Amino acid sequence: MAPMASGADHYRDAERVLEDAKAAQPGSDQERFLLAAAQIHATLAQAAATALTGAVAAGYWDEQPDLVAWVEAAGVKPDVAK
């Protein structure tokens, strides 16, 4: 069994799958499948991000690997005073 994806993994996967959907024939089954897969990844990413916002707001983002992965995936560094 493969390890469970993190929220940041789902975020990156949603972006990747959306890029793949751009290459699909518009209106095709492949495009619909890829858009649905991207939506699933985006929903899982949103759920994970929502669950982690308290730690980021509290300034503990750099102490947790999952939070660091989110910061890297989002391409921003929280401006949090400790």
PDB file of N, CA and C in Angstrom:
ATOM      1  N   MET A   1       0.845  -1.180   0.000  1.00  0.00           N
ATOM      2  CA  MET A   1       0.000   0.000   0.000  1.00  0.00           C
ATOM      3  C   MET A   1       0.891   1.244   0.000  1.00  0.00           C
ATOM      4  N   ALA A   2       0.567   2.169  -0.867  1.00  0.00           N
ATOM      5  CA  ALA A   2       1.350   3.401  -0.974  1.00  0.00           C
ATOM      6  C   ALA A   2       1.071   4.300   0.228  1.00  0.00           C
ATOM      7  N   PRO A   3       2.068   5.098   0.625  1.00  0.00           N
ATOM      8  CA  PRO A   3       1.829   6.020   1.742  1.00  0.00           C
ATOM      9  C   PRO A   3       0.768   7.053   1.364  1.00  0.00           C
ATOM     10  N   MET A   4       0.048   7.533   2.373  1.00  0.00           N
ATOM     11  CA  MET A   4      -1.000   8.526   2.144  1.00  0.00           C
ATOM     12  C   MET A   4      -0.367   9.852   1.723  1.00  0.00           C
ATOM     13  N   ALA A   5      -0.986  10.516   0.791  1.00  0.00           N
ATOM     14  CA  ALA A   5      -0.492  11.807   0.325  1.00  0.00           C
ATOM     15  C   ALA A   5      -0.789  12.880   1.363  1.00  0.00           C
ATOM     16  N   SER A   6       0.113  13.832   1.462  1.00  0.00           N
ATOM     17  CA  SER A   6      -0.118  14.971   2.354  1.00  0.00           C
ATOM     18  C   SER A   6      -1.002  15.989   1.638  1.00  0.00           C
ATOM     19  N   GLY A   7      -1.461  16.964   2.382  1.00  0.00           N
ATOM     20  CA  GLY A   7      -2.244  18.032   1.774  1.00  0.00           C
ATOM     21  C   GLY A   7      -1.465  18.758   0.692  1.00  0.00           C
ATOM     22  N   ALA A   8      -0.190  18.993   0.951  1.00  0.00           N
ATOM     23  CA  ALA A   8       0.652  19.664  -0.042  1.00  0.00           C
ATOM     24  C   ALA A   8       0.795  18.810  -1.297  1.00  0.00           C
ATOM     25  N   ASP A   9       0.891  17.492  -1.118  1.00  0.00           N
ATOM     26  CA  ASP A   9       0.949  16.589  -2.274  1.00  0.00           C
ATOM     27  C   ASP A   9      -0.322  16.717  -3.111  1.00  0.00           C
ATOM     28  N   HIS A  10      -1.463  16.756  -2.445  1.00  0.00           N
ATOM     29  CA  HIS A  10      -2.731  16.892  -3.170  1.00  0.00           C
ATOM     30  C   HIS A  10      -2.797  18.225  -3.913  1.00  0.00           C
ATOM     31  N   TYR A  11      -2.295  19.287  -3.307  1.00  0.00           N
ATOM     32  CA  TYR A  11      -2.276  20.603  -3.951  1.00  0.00           C
ATOM     33  C   TYR A  11      -1.460  20.543  -5.243  1.00  0.00           C
ATOM     34  N   ARG A  12      -0.254  19.984  -5.145  1.00  0.00           N
ATOM     35  CA  ARG A  12       0.610  19.870  -6.324  1.00  0.00           C
ATOM     36  C   ARG A  12      -0.013  18.948  -7.374  1.00  0.00           C
ATOM     37  N   ASP A  13      -0.629  17.853  -6.918  1.00  0.00           N
ATOM     38  CA  ASP A  13      -1.274  16.931  -7.856  1.00  0.00           C
ATOM     39  C   ASP A  13      -2.432  17.608  -8.583  1.00  0.00           C
ATOM     40  N   ALA A  14      -3.208  18.413  -7.879  1.00  0.00           N
ATOM     41  CA  ALA A  14      -4.315  19.130  -8.523  1.00  0.00           C
ATOM     42  C   ALA A  14      -3.786  20.044  -9.625  1.00  0.00           C
ATOM     43  N   GLU A  15      -2.707  20.759  -9.347  1.00  0.00           N
ATOM     44  CA  GLU A  15      -2.119  21.631 -10.363  1.00  0.00           C
ATOM     45  C   GLU A  15      -1.610  20.831 -11.556  1.00  0.00           C
ATOM     46  N   ARG A  16      -0.945  19.705 -11.278  1.00  0.00           N
ATOM     47  CA  ARG A  16      -0.396  18.860 -12.343  1.00  0.00           C
ATOM     48  C   ARG A  16      -1.507  18.287 -13.218  1.00  0.00           C
ATOM     49  N   VAL A  17      -2.558  17.770 -12.584  1.00  0.00           N
ATOM     50  CA  VAL A  17      -3.650  17.158 -13.337  1.00  0.00           C
ATOM     51  C   VAL A  17      -4.392  18.218 -14.161  1.00  0.00           C
ATOM     52  N   LEU A  18      -4.531  19.422 -13.633  1.00  0.00           N
ATOM     53  CA  LEU A  18      -5.148  20.495 -14.417  1.00  0.00           C
ATOM     54  C   LEU A  18      -4.327  20.810 -15.664  1.00  0.00           C
ATOM     55  N   GLU A  19      -3.019  20.798 -15.526  1.00  0.00           N
ATOM     56  CA  GLU A  19      -2.159  21.004 -16.697  1.00  0.00           C
ATOM     57  C   GLU A  19      -2.369  19.890 -17.715  1.00  0.00           C
ATOM     58  N   ASP A  20      -2.480  18.645 -17.236  1.00  0.00           N
ATOM     59  CA  ASP A  20      -2.737  17.520 -18.138  1.00  0.00           C
ATOM     60  C   ASP A  20      -4.079  17.690 -18.848  1.00  0.00           C
ATOM     61  N   ALA A  21      -5.072  18.213 -18.142  1.00  0.00           N
ATOM     62  CA  ALA A  21      -6.403  18.399 -18.727  1.00  0.00           C
ATOM     63  C   ALA A  21      -6.374  19.401 -19.882  1.00  0.00           C
ATOM     64  N   LYS A  22      -5.462  20.352 -19.819  1.00  0.00           N
ATOM     65  CA  LYS A  22      -5.359  21.338 -20.902  1.00  0.00           C
ATOM     66  C   LYS A  22      -5.003  20.681 -22.233  1.00  0.00           C
ATOM     67  N   ALA A  23      -4.263  19.561 -22.164  1.00  0.00           N
ATOM     68  CA  ALA A  23      -3.832  18.874 -23.379  1.00  0.00           C
ATOM     69  C   ALA A  23      -4.894  17.917 -23.918  1.00  0.00           C
ATOM     70  N   ALA A  24      -5.911  17.643 -23.132  1.00  0.00           N
ATOM     71  CA  ALA A  24      -6.960  16.710 -23.553  1.00  0.00           C
ATOM     72  C   ALA A  24      -7.912  17.387 -24.537  1.00  0.00           C
ATOM     73  N   GLN A  25      -8.542  16.564 -25.350  1.00  0.00           N
ATOM     74  CA  GLN A  25      -9.549  17.066 -26.292  1.00  0.00           C
ATOM     75  C   GLN A  25     -10.706  17.677 -25.505  1.00  0.00           C
ATOM     76  N   PRO A  26     -11.063  18.930 -25.772  1.00  0.00           N
ATOM     77  CA  PRO A  26     -12.172  19.553 -25.046  1.00  0.00           C
ATOM     78  C   PRO A  26     -13.462  18.726 -25.162  1.00  0.00           C
ATOM     79  N   GLY A  27     -14.104  18.496 -24.024  1.00  0.00           N
ATOM     80  CA  GLY A  27     -15.347  17.744 -23.990  1.00  0.00           C
ATOM     81  C   GLY A  27     -15.190  16.235 -23.999  1.00  0.00           C
ATOM     82  N   SER A  28     -13.942  15.761 -24.045  1.00  0.00           N
ATOM     83  CA  SER A  28     -13.702  14.315 -24.108  1.00  0.00           C
ATOM     84  C   SER A  28     -13.843  13.671 -22.729  1.00  0.00           C
ATOM     85  N   ASP A  29     -13.981  12.342 -22.743  1.00  0.00           N
ATOM     86  CA  ASP A  29     -14.015  11.603 -21.481  1.00  0.00           C
ATOM     87  C   ASP A  29     -12.721  11.819 -20.702  1.00  0.00           C
ATOM     88  N   GLN A  30     -11.598  11.884 -21.425  1.00  0.00           N
ATOM     89  CA  GLN A  30     -10.313  12.101 -20.756  1.00  0.00           C
ATOM     90  C   GLN A  30     -10.298  13.449 -20.043  1.00  0.00           C
ATOM     91  N   GLU A  31     -10.784  14.486 -20.706  1.00  0.00           N
ATOM     92  CA  GLU A  31     -10.812  15.802 -20.069  1.00  0.00           C
ATOM     93  C   GLU A  31     -11.704  15.780 -18.829  1.00  0.00           C
ATOM     94  N   ARG A  32     -12.882  15.171 -18.942  1.00  0.00           N
ATOM     95  CA  ARG A  32     -13.790  15.099 -17.791  1.00  0.00           C
ATOM     96  C   ARG A  32     -13.158  14.326 -16.641  1.00  0.00           C
ATOM     97  N   PHE A  33     -12.489  13.218 -16.954  1.00  0.00           N
ATOM     98  CA  PHE A  33     -11.824  12.420 -15.923  1.00  0.00           C
ATOM     99  C   PHE A  33     -10.745  13.242 -15.232  1.00  0.00           C
ATOM    100  N   LEU A  34      -9.918  13.920 -16.019  1.00  0.00           N
ATOM    101  CA  LEU A  34      -8.826  14.704 -15.441  1.00  0.00           C
ATOM    102  C   LEU A  34      -9.352  15.864 -14.600  1.00  0.00           C
ATOM    103  N   LEU A  35     -10.390  16.526 -15.066  1.00  0.00           N
ATOM    104  CA  LEU A  35     -10.963  17.623 -14.280  1.00  0.00           C
ATOM    105  C   LEU A  35     -11.562  17.115 -12.975  1.00  0.00           C
ATOM    106  N   ALA A  36     -12.194  15.947 -13.019  1.00  0.00           N
ATOM    107  CA  ALA A  36     -12.740  15.365 -11.786  1.00  0.00           C
ATOM    108  C   ALA A  36     -11.614  14.987 -10.828  1.00  0.00           C
ATOM    109  N   ALA A  37     -10.537  14.415 -11.359  1.00  0.00           N
ATOM    110  CA  ALA A  37      -9.399  14.044 -10.515  1.00  0.00           C
ATOM    111  C   ALA A  37      -8.768  15.284  -9.887  1.00  0.00           C
ATOM    112  N   ALA A  38      -8.643  16.350 -10.664  1.00  0.00           N
ATOM    113  CA  ALA A  38      -8.086  17.599 -10.128  1.00  0.00           C
ATOM    114  C   ALA A  38      -8.975  18.150  -9.023  1.00  0.00           C
ATOM    115  N   GLN A  39     -10.283  18.072  -9.202  1.00  0.00           N
ATOM    116  CA  GLN A  39     -11.218  18.557  -8.186  1.00  0.00           C
ATOM    117  C   GLN A  39     -11.088  17.752  -6.898  1.00  0.00           C
ATOM    118  N   ILE A  40     -10.932  16.448  -7.020  1.00  0.00           N
ATOM    119  CA  ILE A  40     -10.761  15.599  -5.834  1.00  0.00           C
ATOM    120  C   ILE A  40      -9.490  15.993  -5.089  1.00  0.00           C
ATOM    121  N   HIS A  41      -8.387  16.133  -5.827  1.00  0.00           N
ATOM    122  CA  HIS A  41      -7.127  16.530  -5.182  1.00  0.00           C
ATOM    123  C   HIS A  41      -7.258  17.906  -4.533  1.00  0.00           C
ATOM    124  N   ALA A  42      -7.905  18.836  -5.227  1.00  0.00           N
ATOM    125  CA  ALA A  42      -8.066  20.185  -4.676  1.00  0.00           C
ATOM    126  C   ALA A  42      -8.920  20.168  -3.409  1.00  0.00           C
ATOM    127  N   THR A  43      -9.950  19.350  -3.392  1.00  0.00           N
ATOM    128  CA  THR A  43     -10.807  19.255  -2.206  1.00  0.00           C
ATOM    129  C   THR A  43     -10.047  18.679  -1.025  1.00  0.00           C
ATOM    130  N   LEU A  44      -9.264  17.634  -1.268  1.00  0.00           N
ATOM    131  CA  LEU A  44      -8.459  17.049  -0.190  1.00  0.00           C
ATOM    132  C   LEU A  44      -7.396  18.036   0.292  1.00  0.00           C
ATOM    133  N   ALA A  45      -6.808  18.782  -0.632  1.00  0.00           N
ATOM    134  CA  ALA A  45      -5.826  19.801  -0.245  1.00  0.00           C
ATOM    135  C   ALA A  45      -6.475  20.880   0.611  1.00  0.00           C
ATOM    136  N   GLN A  46      -7.667  21.307   0.226  1.00  0.00           N
ATOM    137  CA  GLN A  46      -8.366  22.337   0.997  1.00  0.00           C
ATOM    138  C   GLN A  46      -8.699  21.842   2.399  1.00  0.00           C
ATOM    139  N   ALA A  47      -9.138  20.601   2.510  1.00  0.00           N
ATOM    140  CA  ALA A  47      -9.453  20.042   3.826  1.00  0.00           C
ATOM    141  C   ALA A  47      -8.212  20.011   4.712  1.00  0.00           C
ATOM    142  N   ALA A  48      -7.089  19.588   4.142  1.00  0.00           N
ATOM    143  CA  ALA A  48      -5.852  19.531   4.920  1.00  0.00           C
ATOM    144  C   ALA A  48      -5.383  20.930   5.310  1.00  0.00           C
ATOM    145  N   ALA A  49      -5.467  21.871   4.385  1.00  0.00           N
ATOM    146  CA  ALA A  49      -5.035  23.241   4.683  1.00  0.00           C
ATOM    147  C   ALA A  49      -5.895  23.859   5.775  1.00  0.00           C
ATOM    148  N   THR A  50      -7.185  23.614   5.718  1.00  0.00           N
ATOM    149  CA  THR A  50      -8.090  24.142   6.735  1.00  0.00           C
ATOM    150  C   THR A  50      -7.747  23.582   8.103  1.00  0.00           C
ATOM    151  N   ALA A  51      -7.417  22.305   8.150  1.00  0.00           N
ATOM    152  CA  ALA A  51      -7.091  21.663   9.425  1.00  0.00           C
ATOM    153  C   ALA A  51      -5.787  22.186  10.013  1.00  0.00           C
ATOM    154  N   LEU A  52      -4.898  22.697   9.174  1.00  0.00           N
ATOM    155  CA  LEU A  52      -3.580  23.126   9.639  1.00  0.00           C
ATOM    156  C   LEU A  52      -3.469  24.624   9.897  1.00  0.00           C
ATOM    157  N   THR A  53      -4.491  25.389   9.619  1.00  0.00           N
ATOM    158  CA  THR A  53      -4.366  26.845   9.720  1.00  0.00           C
ATOM    159  C   THR A  53      -4.096  27.338  11.131  1.00  0.00           C
ATOM    160  N   GLY A  54      -4.588  26.658  12.139  1.00  0.00           N
ATOM    161  CA  GLY A  54      -4.359  27.098  13.512  1.00  0.00           C
ATOM    162  C   GLY A  54      -2.891  27.112  13.878  1.00  0.00           C
ATOM    163  N   ALA A  55      -2.161  26.078  13.484  1.00  0.00           N
ATOM    164  CA  ALA A  55      -0.735  26.006  13.801  1.00  0.00           C
ATOM    165  C   ALA A  55       0.048  27.085  13.068  1.00  0.00           C
ATOM    166  N   VAL A  56      -0.328  27.367  11.822  1.00  0.00           N
ATOM    167  CA  VAL A  56       0.356  28.423  11.072  1.00  0.00           C
ATOM    168  C   VAL A  56       0.084  29.772  11.720  1.00  0.00           C
ATOM    169  N   ALA A  57      -1.166  30.024  12.059  1.00  0.00           N
ATOM    170  CA  ALA A  57      -1.525  31.299  12.684  1.00  0.00           C
ATOM    171  C   ALA A  57      -0.843  31.466  14.033  1.00  0.00           C
ATOM    172  N   ALA A  58      -0.619  30.360  14.728  1.00  0.00           N
ATOM    173  CA  ALA A  58       0.022  30.417  16.040  1.00  0.00           C
ATOM    174  C   ALA A  58       1.539  30.546  15.931  1.00  0.00           C
ATOM    175  N   GLY A  59       2.080  30.425  14.723  1.00  0.00           N
ATOM    176  CA  GLY A  59       3.515  30.596  14.531  1.00  0.00           C
ATOM    177  C   GLY A  59       4.331  29.329  14.658  1.00  0.00           C
ATOM    178  N   TYR A  60       3.696  28.167  14.602  1.00  0.00           N
ATOM    179  CA  TYR A  60       4.418  26.904  14.737  1.00  0.00           C
ATOM    180  C   TYR A  60       4.644  26.208  13.407  1.00  0.00           C
ATOM    181  N   TRP A  61       4.479  26.911  12.306  1.00  0.00           N
ATOM    182  CA  TRP A  61       4.554  26.282  10.997  1.00  0.00           C
ATOM    183  C   TRP A  61       5.912  25.656  10.713  1.00  0.00           C
ATOM    184  N   ASP A  62       6.985  26.248  11.196  1.00  0.00           N
ATOM    185  CA  ASP A  62       8.319  25.744  10.861  1.00  0.00           C
ATOM    186  C   ASP A  62       8.756  24.570  11.727  1.00  0.00           C
ATOM    187  N   GLU A  63       7.916  24.128  12.648  1.00  0.00           N
ATOM    188  CA  GLU A  63       8.250  23.010  13.526  1.00  0.00           C
ATOM    189  C   GLU A  63       7.571  21.712  13.100  1.00  0.00           C
ATOM    190  N   GLN A  64       6.716  21.771  12.116  1.00  0.00           N
ATOM    191  CA  GLN A  64       5.959  20.602  11.691  1.00  0.00           C
ATOM    192  C   GLN A  64       6.224  20.321  10.211  1.00  0.00           C
ATOM    193  N   PRO A  65       6.692  19.112   9.879  1.00  0.00           N
ATOM    194  CA  PRO A  65       6.981  18.796   8.473  1.00  0.00           C
ATOM    195  C   PRO A  65       5.794  19.024   7.533  1.00  0.00           C
ATOM    196  N   ASP A  66       4.574  18.683   7.956  1.00  0.00           N
ATOM    197  CA  ASP A  66       3.414  18.895   7.088  1.00  0.00           C
ATOM    198  C   ASP A  66       3.191  20.377   6.810  1.00  0.00           C
ATOM    199  N   LEU A  67       3.425  21.209   7.807  1.00  0.00           N
ATOM    200  CA  LEU A  67       3.236  22.647   7.616  1.00  0.00           C
ATOM    201  C   LEU A  67       4.318  23.231   6.724  1.00  0.00           C
ATOM    202  N   VAL A  68       5.544  22.772   6.905  1.00  0.00           N
ATOM    203  CA  VAL A  68       6.638  23.231   6.046  1.00  0.00           C
ATOM    204  C   VAL A  68       6.333  22.859   4.596  1.00  0.00           C
ATOM    205  N   ALA A  69       5.812  21.641   4.377  1.00  0.00           N
ATOM    206  CA  ALA A  69       5.453  21.211   3.024  1.00  0.00           C
ATOM    207  C   ALA A  69       4.385  22.117   2.425  1.00  0.00           C
ATOM    208  N   TRP A  70       3.423  22.548   3.251  1.00  0.00           N
ATOM    209  CA  TRP A  70       2.384  23.458   2.767  1.00  0.00           C
ATOM    210  C   TRP A  70       2.975  24.801   2.380  1.00  0.00           C
ATOM    211  N   VAL A  71       3.833  25.315   3.214  1.00  0.00           N
ATOM    212  CA  VAL A  71       4.451  26.610   2.921  1.00  0.00           C
ATOM    213  C   VAL A  71       5.221  26.526   1.605  1.00  0.00           C
ATOM    214  N   GLU A  72       5.944  25.424   1.408  1.00  0.00           N
ATOM    215  CA  GLU A  72       6.700  25.254   0.166  1.00  0.00           C
ATOM    216  C   GLU A  72       5.771  25.095  -1.031  1.00  0.00           C
ATOM    217  N   ALA A  73       4.699  24.315  -0.872  1.00  0.00           N
ATOM    218  CA  ALA A  73       3.759  24.099  -1.978  1.00  0.00           C
ATOM    219  C   ALA A  73       3.068  25.397  -2.377  1.00  0.00           C
ATOM    220  N   ALA A  74       2.733  26.211  -1.399  1.00  0.00           N
ATOM    221  CA  ALA A  74       2.046  27.474  -1.677  1.00  0.00           C
ATOM    222  C   ALA A  74       3.003  28.536  -2.201  1.00  0.00           C
ATOM    223  N   GLY A  75       4.295  28.332  -2.005  1.00  0.00           N
ATOM    224  CA  GLY A  75       5.283  29.278  -2.497  1.00  0.00           C
ATOM    225  C   GLY A  75       5.362  30.559  -1.695  1.00  0.00           C
ATOM    226  N   VAL A  76       4.945  30.491  -0.447  1.00  0.00           N
ATOM    227  CA  VAL A  76       5.003  31.663   0.425  1.00  0.00           C
ATOM    228  C   VAL A  76       5.589  31.265   1.767  1.00  0.00           C
ATOM    229  N   LYS A  77       6.067  32.249   2.487  1.00  0.00           N
ATOM    230  CA  LYS A  77       6.551  32.020   3.842  1.00  0.00           C
ATOM    231  C   LYS A  77       5.725  32.902   4.762  1.00  0.00           C
ATOM    232  N   PRO A  78       5.032  32.284   5.718  1.00  0.00           N
ATOM    233  CA  PRO A  78       4.215  33.103   6.620  1.00  0.00           C
ATOM    234  C   PRO A  78       5.057  34.139   7.354  1.00  0.00           C
ATOM    235  N   ASP A  79       4.522  35.327   7.488  1.00  0.00           N
ATOM    236  CA  ASP A  79       5.181  36.384   8.243  1.00  0.00           C
ATOM    237  C   ASP A  79       4.616  36.332   9.660  1.00  0.00           C
ATOM    238  N   VAL A  80       5.191  35.418  10.439  1.00  0.00           N
ATOM    239  CA  VAL A  80       4.669  35.167  11.780  1.00  0.00           C
ATOM    240  C   VAL A  80       5.765  35.472  12.786  1.00  0.00           C
ATOM    241  N   ALA A  81       5.485  36.322  13.745  1.00  0.00           N
ATOM    242  CA  ALA A  81       6.438  36.620  14.817  1.00  0.00           C
ATOM    243  C   ALA A  81       6.278  35.581  15.909  1.00  0.00           C
ATOM    244  N   LYS A  82       7.387  35.001  16.313  1.00  0.00           N
ATOM    245  CA  LYS A  82       7.354  34.007  17.393  1.00  0.00           C
ATOM    246  C   LYS A  82       7.633  34.672  18.704  1.00  0.00           C
TER     247      LYS A  82
END
